[in-house]
PDB file of all heavy atoms in Angstrom:
ATOM      1  N   VAL A   1       0.805  -1.217   0.000  1.00  0.00           N
ATOM      2  CA  VAL A   1       0.000   0.000   0.000  1.00  0.00           C
ATOM      3  C   VAL A   1       0.835   1.263   0.000  1.00  0.00           C
ATOM      4  O   VAL A   1       0.287   2.369  -0.133  1.00  0.00           O
ATOM      5  CB  VAL A   1      -0.978   0.034   1.195  1.00  0.00           C
ATOM      6  CG1 VAL A   1      -1.830  -1.226   1.227  1.00  0.00           C
ATOM      7  CG2 VAL A   1      -0.220   0.204   2.509  1.00  0.00           C
ATOM      8  N   LYS A   2       2.123   1.132   0.147  1.00  0.00           N
ATOM      9  CA  LYS A   2       3.012   2.293   0.219  1.00  0.00           C
ATOM     10  C   LYS A   2       2.882   3.147  -1.040  1.00  0.00           C
ATOM     11  O   LYS A   2       2.904   2.643  -2.158  1.00  0.00           O
ATOM     12  CB  LYS A   2       4.451   1.832   0.421  1.00  0.00           C
ATOM     13  CG  LYS A   2       5.421   2.934   0.781  1.00  0.00           C
ATOM     14  CD  LYS A   2       6.797   2.361   1.119  1.00  0.00           C
ATOM     15  CE  LYS A   2       6.732   1.436   2.319  1.00  0.00           C
ATOM     16  NZ  LYS A   2       8.077   0.900   2.691  1.00  0.00           N
ATOM     17  N   GLY A   3       2.735   4.440  -0.826  1.00  0.00           N
ATOM     18  CA  GLY A   3       2.557   5.360  -1.929  1.00  0.00           C
ATOM     19  C   GLY A   3       1.114   5.564  -2.330  1.00  0.00           C
ATOM     20  O   GLY A   3       0.809   6.504  -3.073  1.00  0.00           O
ATOM     21  N   ARG A   4       0.220   4.705  -1.860  1.00  0.00           N
ATOM     22  CA  ARG A   4      -1.198   4.821  -2.182  1.00  0.00           C
ATOM     23  C   ARG A   4      -2.035   5.174  -0.959  1.00  0.00           C
ATOM     24  O   ARG A   4      -3.029   5.887  -1.072  1.00  0.00           O
ATOM     25  CB  ARG A   4      -1.720   3.519  -2.790  1.00  0.00           C
ATOM     26  CG  ARG A   4      -1.035   3.122  -4.087  1.00  0.00           C
ATOM     27  CD  ARG A   4      -1.721   1.915  -4.726  1.00  0.00           C
ATOM     28  NE  ARG A   4      -1.657   0.732  -3.870  1.00  0.00           N
ATOM     29  CZ  ARG A   4      -2.722   0.090  -3.387  1.00  0.00           C
ATOM     30  NH1 ARG A   4      -3.952   0.510  -3.678  1.00  0.00           N
ATOM     31  NH2 ARG A   4      -2.563  -0.988  -2.627  1.00  0.00           N
ATOM     32  N   PHE A   5      -1.638   4.647   0.196  1.00  0.00           N
ATOM     33  CA  PHE A   5      -2.378   4.872   1.432  1.00  0.00           C
ATOM     34  C   PHE A   5      -1.612   5.831   2.331  1.00  0.00           C
ATOM     35  O   PHE A   5      -0.377   5.835   2.358  1.00  0.00           O
ATOM     36  CB  PHE A   5      -2.587   3.562   2.190  1.00  0.00           C
ATOM     37  CG  PHE A   5      -3.533   2.591   1.540  1.00  0.00           C
ATOM     38  CD1 PHE A   5      -3.996   2.768   0.248  1.00  0.00           C
ATOM     39  CD2 PHE A   5      -3.960   1.467   2.249  1.00  0.00           C
ATOM     40  CE1 PHE A   5      -4.864   1.863  -0.342  1.00  0.00           C
ATOM     41  CE2 PHE A   5      -4.824   0.558   1.678  1.00  0.00           C
ATOM     42  CZ  PHE A   5      -5.279   0.751   0.382  1.00  0.00           C
ATOM     43  N   THR A   6      -2.341   6.618   3.097  1.00  0.00           N
ATOM     44  CA  THR A   6      -1.744   7.527   4.056  1.00  0.00           C
ATOM     45  C   THR A   6      -2.487   7.415   5.377  1.00  0.00           C
ATOM     46  O   THR A   6      -3.709   7.571   5.429  1.00  0.00           O
ATOM     47  CB  THR A   6      -1.791   8.982   3.569  1.00  0.00           C
ATOM     48  OG1 THR A   6      -1.116   9.094   2.315  1.00  0.00           O
ATOM     49  CG2 THR A   6      -1.108   9.898   4.584  1.00  0.00           C
ATOM     50  N   ILE A   7      -1.749   7.152   6.431  1.00  0.00           N
ATOM     51  CA  ILE A   7      -2.336   7.061   7.754  1.00  0.00           C
ATOM     52  C   ILE A   7      -2.072   8.364   8.507  1.00  0.00           C
ATOM     53  O   ILE A   7      -0.992   8.952   8.384  1.00  0.00           O
ATOM     54  CB  ILE A   7      -1.778   5.841   8.527  1.00  0.00           C
ATOM     55  CG1 ILE A   7      -2.545   5.607   9.820  1.00  0.00           C
ATOM     56  CG2 ILE A   7      -0.291   5.988   8.800  1.00  0.00           C
ATOM     57  CD1 ILE A   7      -2.181   4.288  10.493  1.00  0.00           C
ATOM     58  N   SER A   8      -3.054   8.812   9.253  1.00  0.00           N
ATOM     59  CA  SER A   8      -2.905  10.031  10.039  1.00  0.00           C
ATOM     60  C   SER A   8      -3.763   9.917  11.290  1.00  0.00           C
ATOM     61  O   SER A   8      -4.613   9.028  11.393  1.00  0.00           O
ATOM     62  CB  SER A   8      -3.289  11.270   9.226  1.00  0.00           C
ATOM     63  OG  SER A   8      -4.643  11.217   8.817  1.00  0.00           O
ATOM     64  N   ARG A   9      -3.525  10.819  12.227  1.00  0.00           N
ATOM     65  CA  ARG A   9      -4.314  10.811  13.447  1.00  0.00           C
ATOM     66  C   ARG A   9      -4.533  12.226  13.933  1.00  0.00           C
ATOM     67  O   ARG A   9      -3.713  13.115  13.727  1.00  0.00           O
ATOM     68  CB  ARG A   9      -3.633   9.967  14.537  1.00  0.00           C
ATOM     69  CG  ARG A   9      -2.297  10.515  15.029  1.00  0.00           C
ATOM     70  CD  ARG A   9      -1.574   9.500  15.911  1.00  0.00           C
ATOM     71  NE  ARG A   9      -2.300   9.218  17.137  1.00  0.00           N
ATOM     72  CZ  ARG A   9      -2.051   8.193  17.947  1.00  0.00           C
ATOM     73  NH1 ARG A   9      -1.078   7.329  17.633  1.00  0.00           N
ATOM     74  NH2 ARG A   9      -2.759   8.020  19.047  1.00  0.00           N
ATOM     75  N   ASP A  10      -5.651  12.425  14.591  1.00  0.00           N
ATOM     76  CA  ASP A  10      -5.988  13.682  15.220  1.00  0.00           C
ATOM     77  C   ASP A  10      -6.247  13.365  16.682  1.00  0.00           C
ATOM     78  O   ASP A  10      -7.325  12.898  17.044  1.00  0.00           O
ATOM     79  CB  ASP A  10      -7.208  14.319  14.565  1.00  0.00           C
ATOM     80  CG  ASP A  10      -7.507  15.706  15.097  1.00  0.00           C
ATOM     81  OD1 ASP A  10      -7.134  16.017  16.240  1.00  0.00           O
ATOM     82  OD2 ASP A  10      -8.124  16.498  14.358  1.00  0.00           O
ATOM     83  N   ASN A  11      -5.252  13.588  17.506  1.00  0.00           N
ATOM     84  CA  ASN A  11      -5.372  13.214  18.912  1.00  0.00           C
ATOM     85  C   ASN A  11      -6.415  14.049  19.645  1.00  0.00           C
ATOM     86  O   ASN A  11      -7.048  13.567  20.583  1.00  0.00           O
ATOM     87  CB  ASN A  11      -4.015  13.327  19.602  1.00  0.00           C
ATOM     88  CG  ASN A  11      -3.057  12.242  19.167  1.00  0.00           C
ATOM     89  OD1 ASN A  11      -3.466  11.231  18.592  1.00  0.00           O
ATOM     90  ND2 ASN A  11      -1.772  12.434  19.431  1.00  0.00           N
ATOM     91  N   ALA A  12      -6.583  15.305  19.240  1.00  0.00           N
ATOM     92  CA  ALA A  12      -7.588  16.150  19.867  1.00  0.00           C
ATOM     93  C   ALA A  12      -8.985  15.605  19.627  1.00  0.00           C
ATOM     94  O   ALA A  12      -9.856  15.693  20.496  1.00  0.00           O
ATOM     95  CB  ALA A  12      -7.483  17.584  19.360  1.00  0.00           C
ATOM     96  N   LYS A  13      -9.218  15.056  18.447  1.00  0.00           N
ATOM     97  CA  LYS A  13     -10.511  14.477  18.103  1.00  0.00           C
ATOM     98  C   LYS A  13     -10.576  12.980  18.370  1.00  0.00           C
ATOM     99  O   LYS A  13     -11.617  12.357  18.134  1.00  0.00           O
ATOM    100  CB  LYS A  13     -10.847  14.762  16.643  1.00  0.00           C
ATOM    101  CG  LYS A  13     -11.059  16.229  16.317  1.00  0.00           C
ATOM    102  CD  LYS A  13     -11.437  16.400  14.857  1.00  0.00           C
ATOM    103  CE  LYS A  13     -11.861  17.830  14.550  1.00  0.00           C
ATOM    104  NZ  LYS A  13     -10.763  18.804  14.791  1.00  0.00           N
ATOM    105  N   LYS A  14      -9.484  12.418  18.831  1.00  0.00           N
ATOM    106  CA  LYS A  14      -9.400  10.986  19.110  1.00  0.00           C
ATOM    107  C   LYS A  14      -9.823  10.165  17.893  1.00  0.00           C
ATOM    108  O   LYS A  14     -10.651   9.252  17.994  1.00  0.00           O
ATOM    109  CB  LYS A  14     -10.243  10.622  20.329  1.00  0.00           C
ATOM    110  CG  LYS A  14      -9.754  11.228  21.629  1.00  0.00           C
ATOM    111  CD  LYS A  14     -10.577  10.714  22.801  1.00  0.00           C
ATOM    112  CE  LYS A  14     -10.051  11.241  24.115  1.00  0.00           C
ATOM    113  NZ  LYS A  14     -10.832  10.710  25.269  1.00  0.00           N
ATOM    114  N   THR A  15      -9.253  10.500  16.768  1.00  0.00           N
ATOM    115  CA  THR A  15      -9.640   9.853  15.524  1.00  0.00           C
ATOM    116  C   THR A  15      -8.413   9.453  14.716  1.00  0.00           C
ATOM    117  O   THR A  15      -7.455  10.216  14.607  1.00  0.00           O
ATOM    118  CB  THR A  15     -10.530  10.769  14.679  1.00  0.00           C
ATOM    119  OG1 THR A  15     -11.657  11.194  15.454  1.00  0.00           O
ATOM    120  CG2 THR A  15     -11.041  10.038  13.446  1.00  0.00           C
ATOM    121  N   LEU A  16      -8.468   8.269  14.165  1.00  0.00           N
ATOM    122  CA  LEU A  16      -7.453   7.746  13.269  1.00  0.00           C
ATOM    123  C   LEU A  16      -8.032   7.693  11.862  1.00  0.00           C
ATOM    124  O   LEU A  16      -9.204   7.369  11.685  1.00  0.00           O
ATOM    125  CB  LEU A  16      -7.033   6.349  13.719  1.00  0.00           C
ATOM    126  CG  LEU A  16      -6.035   5.597  12.848  1.00  0.00           C
ATOM    127  CD1 LEU A  16      -4.642   6.198  12.997  1.00  0.00           C
ATOM    128  CD2 LEU A  16      -6.035   4.116  13.217  1.00  0.00           C
ATOM    129  N   PHE A  17      -7.211   7.990  10.865  1.00  0.00           N
ATOM    130  CA  PHE A  17      -7.670   8.007   9.489  1.00  0.00           C
ATOM    131  C   PHE A  17      -6.791   7.129   8.615  1.00  0.00           C
ATOM    132  O   PHE A  17      -5.613   6.929   8.887  1.00  0.00           O
ATOM    133  CB  PHE A  17      -7.648   9.426   8.918  1.00  0.00           C
ATOM    134  CG  PHE A  17      -8.477  10.407   9.684  1.00  0.00           C
ATOM    135  CD1 PHE A  17      -7.887  11.240  10.623  1.00  0.00           C
ATOM    136  CD2 PHE A  17      -9.838  10.503   9.465  1.00  0.00           C
ATOM    137  CE1 PHE A  17      -8.639  12.153  11.332  1.00  0.00           C
ATOM    138  CE2 PHE A  17     -10.608  11.416  10.172  1.00  0.00           C
ATOM    139  CZ  PHE A  17     -10.011  12.240  11.107  1.00  0.00           C
ATOM    140  N   LEU A  18      -7.382   6.627   7.563  1.00  0.00           N
ATOM    141  CA  LEU A  18      -6.644   5.948   6.516  1.00  0.00           C
ATOM    142  C   LEU A  18      -7.173   6.441   5.181  1.00  0.00           C
ATOM    143  O   LEU A  18      -8.290   6.100   4.788  1.00  0.00           O
ATOM    144  CB  LEU A  18      -6.777   4.432   6.623  1.00  0.00           C
ATOM    145  CG  LEU A  18      -5.977   3.636   5.589  1.00  0.00           C
ATOM    146  CD1 LEU A  18      -4.476   3.803   5.832  1.00  0.00           C
ATOM    147  CD2 LEU A  18      -6.354   2.151   5.623  1.00  0.00           C
ATOM    148  N   GLN A  19      -6.378   7.250   4.503  1.00  0.00           N
ATOM    149  CA  GLN A  19      -6.722   7.723   3.171  1.00  0.00           C
ATOM    150  C   GLN A  19      -6.205   6.708   2.165  1.00  0.00           C
ATOM    151  O   GLN A  19      -5.002   6.448   2.099  1.00  0.00           O
ATOM    152  CB  GLN A  19      -6.114   9.093   2.908  1.00  0.00           C
ATOM    153  CG  GLN A  19      -6.392   9.645   1.513  1.00  0.00           C
ATOM    154  CD  GLN A  19      -7.854   9.928   1.288  1.00  0.00           C
ATOM    155  OE1 GLN A  19      -8.501  10.553   2.124  1.00  0.00           O
ATOM    156  NE2 GLN A  19      -8.389   9.464   0.168  1.00  0.00           N
ATOM    157  N   MET A  20      -7.098   6.149   1.383  1.00  0.00           N
ATOM    158  CA  MET A  20      -6.750   5.116   0.422  1.00  0.00           C
ATOM    159  C   MET A  20      -6.997   5.645  -0.982  1.00  0.00           C
ATOM    160  O   MET A  20      -8.133   5.970  -1.337  1.00  0.00           O
ATOM    161  CB  MET A  20      -7.562   3.847   0.670  1.00  0.00           C
ATOM    162  CG  MET A  20      -7.423   3.298   2.085  1.00  0.00           C
ATOM    163  SD  MET A  20      -8.294   1.728   2.317  1.00  0.00           S
ATOM    164  CE  MET A  20      -9.996   2.277   2.102  1.00  0.00           C
ATOM    165  N   ASN A  21      -5.945   5.723  -1.765  1.00  0.00           N
ATOM    166  CA  ASN A  21      -6.021   6.184  -3.143  1.00  0.00           C
ATOM    167  C   ASN A  21      -5.577   5.077  -4.085  1.00  0.00           C
ATOM    168  O   ASN A  21      -4.922   4.122  -3.674  1.00  0.00           O
ATOM    169  CB  ASN A  21      -5.147   7.424  -3.348  1.00  0.00           C
ATOM    170  CG  ASN A  21      -5.554   8.592  -2.479  1.00  0.00           C
ATOM    171  OD1 ASN A  21      -6.739   8.814  -2.234  1.00  0.00           O
ATOM    172  ND2 ASN A  21      -4.574   9.363  -2.022  1.00  0.00           N
ATOM    173  N   SER A  22      -5.917   5.238  -5.337  1.00  0.00           N
ATOM    174  CA  SER A  22      -5.532   4.269  -6.369  1.00  0.00           C
ATOM    175  C   SER A  22      -5.860   2.847  -5.937  1.00  0.00           C
ATOM    176  O   SER A  22      -5.034   1.938  -6.027  1.00  0.00           O
ATOM    177  CB  SER A  22      -4.040   4.405  -6.690  1.00  0.00           C
ATOM    178  OG  SER A  22      -3.734   5.708  -7.138  1.00  0.00           O
ATOM    179  N   LEU A  23      -7.064   2.661  -5.488  1.00  0.00           N
ATOM    180  CA  LEU A  23      -7.463   1.371  -4.942  1.00  0.00           C
ATOM    181  C   LEU A  23      -7.479   0.282  -6.001  1.00  0.00           C
ATOM    182  O   LEU A  23      -7.833   0.521  -7.153  1.00  0.00           O
ATOM    183  CB  LEU A  23      -8.831   1.480  -4.281  1.00  0.00           C
ATOM    184  CG  LEU A  23      -8.813   2.156  -2.906  1.00  0.00           C
ATOM    185  CD1 LEU A  23     -10.205   2.622  -2.517  1.00  0.00           C
ATOM    186  CD2 LEU A  23      -8.260   1.196  -1.859  1.00  0.00           C
ATOM    187  N   LYS A  24      -7.099  -0.899  -5.571  1.00  0.00           N
ATOM    188  CA  LYS A  24      -7.037  -2.074  -6.421  1.00  0.00           C
ATOM    189  C   LYS A  24      -7.984  -3.138  -5.890  1.00  0.00           C
ATOM    190  O   LYS A  24      -8.298  -3.156  -4.706  1.00  0.00           O
ATOM    191  CB  LYS A  24      -5.614  -2.636  -6.454  1.00  0.00           C
ATOM    192  CG  LYS A  24      -4.545  -1.637  -6.856  1.00  0.00           C
ATOM    193  CD  LYS A  24      -3.159  -2.251  -6.716  1.00  0.00           C
ATOM    194  CE  LYS A  24      -2.079  -1.267  -7.082  1.00  0.00           C
ATOM    195  NZ  LYS A  24      -0.717  -1.859  -6.913  1.00  0.00           N
ATOM    196  N   PRO A  25      -8.425  -4.057  -6.748  1.00  0.00           N
ATOM    197  CA  PRO A  25      -9.286  -5.143  -6.266  1.00  0.00           C
ATOM    198  C   PRO A  25      -8.659  -5.930  -5.116  1.00  0.00           C
ATOM    199  O   PRO A  25      -9.384  -6.392  -4.233  1.00  0.00           O
ATOM    200  CB  PRO A  25      -9.466  -6.017  -7.512  1.00  0.00           C
ATOM    201  CG  PRO A  25      -9.365  -5.053  -8.645  1.00  0.00           C
ATOM    202  CD  PRO A  25      -8.311  -4.067  -8.216  1.00  0.00           C
ATOM    203  N   GLU A  26      -7.349  -6.063  -5.103  1.00  0.00           N
ATOM    204  CA  GLU A  26      -6.673  -6.790  -4.038  1.00  0.00           C
ATOM    205  C   GLU A  26      -6.740  -6.074  -2.697  1.00  0.00           C
ATOM    206  O   GLU A  26      -6.384  -6.650  -1.674  1.00  0.00           O
ATOM    207  CB  GLU A  26      -5.210  -7.055  -4.409  1.00  0.00           C
ATOM    208  CG  GLU A  26      -4.376  -5.794  -4.547  1.00  0.00           C
ATOM    209  CD  GLU A  26      -2.955  -6.080  -5.029  1.00  0.00           C
ATOM    210  OE1 GLU A  26      -2.782  -7.035  -5.819  1.00  0.00           O
ATOM    211  OE2 GLU A  26      -2.033  -5.366  -4.620  1.00  0.00           O
ATOM    212  N   ASP A  27      -7.180  -4.831  -2.696  1.00  0.00           N
ATOM    213  CA  ASP A  27      -7.370  -4.102  -1.449  1.00  0.00           C
ATOM    214  C   ASP A  27      -8.680  -4.464  -0.763  1.00  0.00           C
ATOM    215  O   ASP A  27      -8.929  -4.029   0.363  1.00  0.00           O
ATOM    216  CB  ASP A  27      -7.337  -2.596  -1.692  1.00  0.00           C
ATOM    217  CG  ASP A  27      -5.990  -2.098  -2.183  1.00  0.00           C
ATOM    218  OD1 ASP A  27      -4.959  -2.576  -1.670  1.00  0.00           O
ATOM    219  OD2 ASP A  27      -5.973  -1.228  -3.085  1.00  0.00           O
ATOM    220  N   THR A  28      -9.515  -5.230  -1.431  1.00  0.00           N
ATOM    221  CA  THR A  28     -10.792  -5.637  -0.864  1.00  0.00           C
ATOM    222  C   THR A  28     -10.575  -6.460   0.398  1.00  0.00           C
ATOM    223  O   THR A  28      -9.879  -7.469   0.381  1.00  0.00           O
ATOM    224  CB  THR A  28     -11.604  -6.445  -1.880  1.00  0.00           C
ATOM    225  OG1 THR A  28     -11.918  -5.622  -3.006  1.00  0.00           O
ATOM    226  CG2 THR A  28     -12.900  -6.950  -1.260  1.00  0.00           C
ATOM    227  N   ALA A  29     -11.162  -6.009   1.491  1.00  0.00           N
ATOM    228  CA  ALA A  29     -10.993  -6.673   2.776  1.00  0.00           C
ATOM    229  C   ALA A  29     -11.816  -5.942   3.817  1.00  0.00           C
ATOM    230  O   ALA A  29     -12.346  -4.861   3.571  1.00  0.00           O
ATOM    231  CB  ALA A  29      -9.521  -6.689   3.191  1.00  0.00           C
ATOM    232  N   VAL A  30     -11.913  -6.552   4.982  1.00  0.00           N
ATOM    233  CA  VAL A  30     -12.413  -5.853   6.146  1.00  0.00           C
ATOM    234  C   VAL A  30     -11.229  -5.146   6.786  1.00  0.00           C
ATOM    235  O   VAL A  30     -10.209  -5.772   7.070  1.00  0.00           O
ATOM    236  CB  VAL A  30     -13.081  -6.806   7.155  1.00  0.00           C
ATOM    237  CG1 VAL A  30     -13.503  -6.045   8.406  1.00  0.00           C
ATOM    238  CG2 VAL A  30     -14.284  -7.486   6.521  1.00  0.00           C
ATOM    239  N   TYR A  31     -11.366  -3.865   7.004  1.00  0.00           N
ATOM    240  CA  TYR A  31     -10.289  -3.068   7.563  1.00  0.00           C
ATOM    241  C   TYR A  31     -10.543  -2.810   9.042  1.00  0.00           C
ATOM    242  O   TYR A  31     -11.629  -2.389   9.433  1.00  0.00           O
ATOM    243  CB  TYR A  31     -10.155  -1.745   6.812  1.00  0.00           C
ATOM    244  CG  TYR A  31      -9.459  -1.901   5.486  1.00  0.00           C
ATOM    245  CD1 TYR A  31     -10.091  -2.549   4.427  1.00  0.00           C
ATOM    246  CD2 TYR A  31      -8.167  -1.424   5.292  1.00  0.00           C
ATOM    247  CE1 TYR A  31      -9.448  -2.716   3.216  1.00  0.00           C
ATOM    248  CE2 TYR A  31      -7.520  -1.583   4.083  1.00  0.00           C
ATOM    249  CZ  TYR A  31      -8.166  -2.229   3.046  1.00  0.00           C
ATOM    250  OH  TYR A  31      -7.518  -2.388   1.839  1.00  0.00           O
TER     251      TYR A  31
END
């Protein structure tokens, strides 16, 4: 996923994010 996905967090909002770009069929899964 390197170069396509970006992980980030907002500690003030207590939220974790995963931005997924250029998705492929092989990315299909429960996250």
